[in-house]
Amino acid sequence: VQLQASGGGLVQPGGSLELSCAASGSIFSLNHMGWYRQAPGKQREFVADITSSGSTNYTDSVKGRFTISRDNAKNTVYLQMNSLKLEDTAVYYCHVDDKYPTWTIGYWGQGTQVTVSS
């Protein structure tokens, strides 16, 4: 499975960006699809995820500002980021779980830079 993330960039505080991550290749059944981020000098942290049925989960710091969604027909997950703050600056990575009957394999995307700066 290959993941292609896009949509990062430079934005001013209060601005918006939308990230997308498309999965391709030999996919069985994508379960959780999500986003993580890693700021300079910090560990990678969970941002949000969404199950195949549409249930979502967010880290507290992005609740009310970020919205995760997915298009199952396109095997794509999105992250709409509004009211961006300086502390949202990080490399954002998508992650998906490909669920087989008796095991699950996780995959990471290559990362896309989000920089919030005035």
Protein backbone atom coordinates (compact mmCIF):
# COMPACT_ATOMS: atom_id res chain seq x y z
CA VAL A 1 0.00 0.00 0.00
CA GLN A 2 1.33 3.43 -0.91
CA LEU A 3 0.16 6.69 0.65
CA GLN A 4 0.44 10.02 -1.14
CA ALA A 5 -0.13 13.05 1.06
CA SER A 6 -0.57 16.56 -0.22
CA GLY A 7 -1.92 19.96 0.74
CA GLY A 8 0.70 21.29 3.11
CA GLY A 9 2.12 24.77 2.86
CA LEU A 10 2.68 28.13 4.49
CA VAL A 11 -0.28 29.91 6.04
CA GLN A 12 -0.79 32.83 8.39
CA PRO A 13 -2.25 32.35 11.87
CA GLY A 14 -6.00 32.04 11.63
CA GLY A 15 -5.81 30.65 8.13
CA SER A 16 -6.90 27.31 6.72
CA LEU A 17 -5.40 24.37 4.88
CA GLU A 18 -6.73 21.04 3.75
CA LEU A 19 -4.54 17.97 3.69
CA SER A 20 -5.36 14.88 1.72
CA CYS A 21 -3.85 11.41 1.67
CA ALA A 22 -4.68 8.86 -0.99
CA ALA A 23 -3.98 5.17 -0.52
CA SER A 24 -3.23 2.96 -3.50
CA GLY A 25 -1.89 -0.49 -4.26
CA SER A 26 -2.92 -3.84 -2.88
CA ILE A 27 -5.55 -2.79 -0.35
CA PHE A 28 -7.72 -5.29 1.50
CA SER A 29 -9.93 -3.18 3.74
CA LEU A 30 -8.94 0.20 5.12
CA ASN A 31 -10.08 0.57 8.70
CA HIS A 32 -8.66 3.47 10.68
CA MET A 33 -7.29 6.34 8.63
CA GLY A 34 -5.67 9.18 10.47
CA TRP A 35 -3.21 12.00 10.82
CA TYR A 36 -0.24 12.50 13.11
CA ARG A 37 2.21 15.36 13.30
CA GLN A 38 5.75 15.97 14.41
CA ALA A 39 7.06 19.39 15.32
CA PRO A 40 10.80 20.12 15.39
CA GLY A 41 12.40 18.60 18.44
CA LYS A 42 9.22 16.81 19.50
CA GLN A 43 7.82 13.33 19.23
CA ARG A 44 5.23 12.42 16.68
CA GLU A 45 1.75 12.90 18.12
CA PHE A 46 -1.76 11.82 17.23
CA VAL A 47 -3.98 14.46 15.64
CA ALA A 48 -7.16 12.74 14.43
CA ASP A 49 -8.50 9.54 12.98
CA ILE A 50 -11.64 8.17 11.40
CA THR A 51 -12.98 4.64 11.15
CA SER A 52 -14.49 3.04 8.08
CA SER A 53 -17.94 3.75 9.51
CA GLY A 54 -17.17 7.43 10.02
CA SER A 55 -16.48 7.63 13.75
CA THR A 56 -13.92 10.31 14.50
CA ASN A 57 -11.45 11.03 17.26
CA TYR A 58 -9.36 14.17 17.83
CA THR A 59 -6.64 15.27 20.13
CA ASP A 60 -7.88 18.00 22.46
CA SER A 61 -5.75 20.77 20.98
CA VAL A 62 -7.44 20.58 17.56
CA LYS A 63 -11.04 19.93 18.58
CA GLY A 64 -13.35 22.48 17.03
CA ARG A 65 -10.71 23.60 14.55
CA PHE A 66 -9.81 20.48 12.53
CA THR A 67 -12.19 18.14 10.75
CA ILE A 68 -11.21 14.71 9.48
CA SER A 69 -13.19 13.01 6.73
CA ARG A 70 -12.74 10.21 4.24
CA ASP A 71 -13.91 9.12 0.83
CA ASN A 72 -14.02 5.33 0.91
CA ALA A 73 -14.51 5.08 -2.85
CA LYS A 74 -11.26 6.97 -3.38
CA ASN A 75 -9.39 5.46 -0.40
CA THR A 76 -8.62 9.00 0.66
CA VAL A 77 -8.57 10.75 4.01
CA TYR A 78 -8.76 14.50 4.44
CA LEU A 79 -7.91 16.90 7.23
CA GLN A 80 -9.51 20.31 7.07
CA MET A 81 -7.57 22.63 9.32
CA ASN A 82 -9.13 25.96 10.28
CA SER A 83 -8.08 28.69 12.70
CA LEU A 84 -4.50 27.53 12.44
CA LYS A 85 -2.12 28.49 15.22
CA LEU A 86 1.64 28.84 15.35
CA GLU A 87 1.81 25.65 17.38
CA ASP A 88 0.20 23.67 14.58
CA THR A 89 3.45 23.97 12.64
CA ALA A 90 4.73 20.45 12.01
CA VAL A 91 5.21 17.74 9.46
CA TYR A 92 1.88 15.98 9.11
CA TYR A 93 1.83 12.25 8.42
CA CYS A 94 -1.11 10.16 7.37
CA HIS A 95 -1.50 6.65 8.69
CA VAL A 96 -3.86 3.89 7.60
CA ASP A 97 -4.66 0.42 8.88
CA ASP A 98 -5.27 -2.24 6.25
CA LYS A 99 -7.40 -4.81 8.05
CA TYR A 100 -7.26 -8.47 6.99
CA PRO A 101 -9.42 -11.18 8.58
CA THR A 102 -6.84 -12.08 11.20
CA TRP A 103 -4.28 -9.29 11.18
CA THR A 104 -3.85 -5.58 10.50
CA ILE A 105 -0.98 -3.79 8.77
CA GLY A 106 -0.26 -0.12 9.34
CA TYR A 107 1.22 2.21 6.75
CA TRP A 108 2.67 5.72 6.96
CA GLY A 109 2.67 8.42 4.34
CA GLN A 110 5.75 10.48 3.52
CA GLY A 111 4.72 13.58 5.45
CA THR A 112 3.70 17.04 4.34
CA GLN A 113 4.97 20.26 5.92
CA VAL A 114 2.52 22.69 7.46
CA THR A 115 4.00 26.01 8.53
CA VAL A 116 1.93 28.60 10.35
CA SER A 117 3.74 31.91 10.43
CA SER A 118 3.04 35.61 10.23
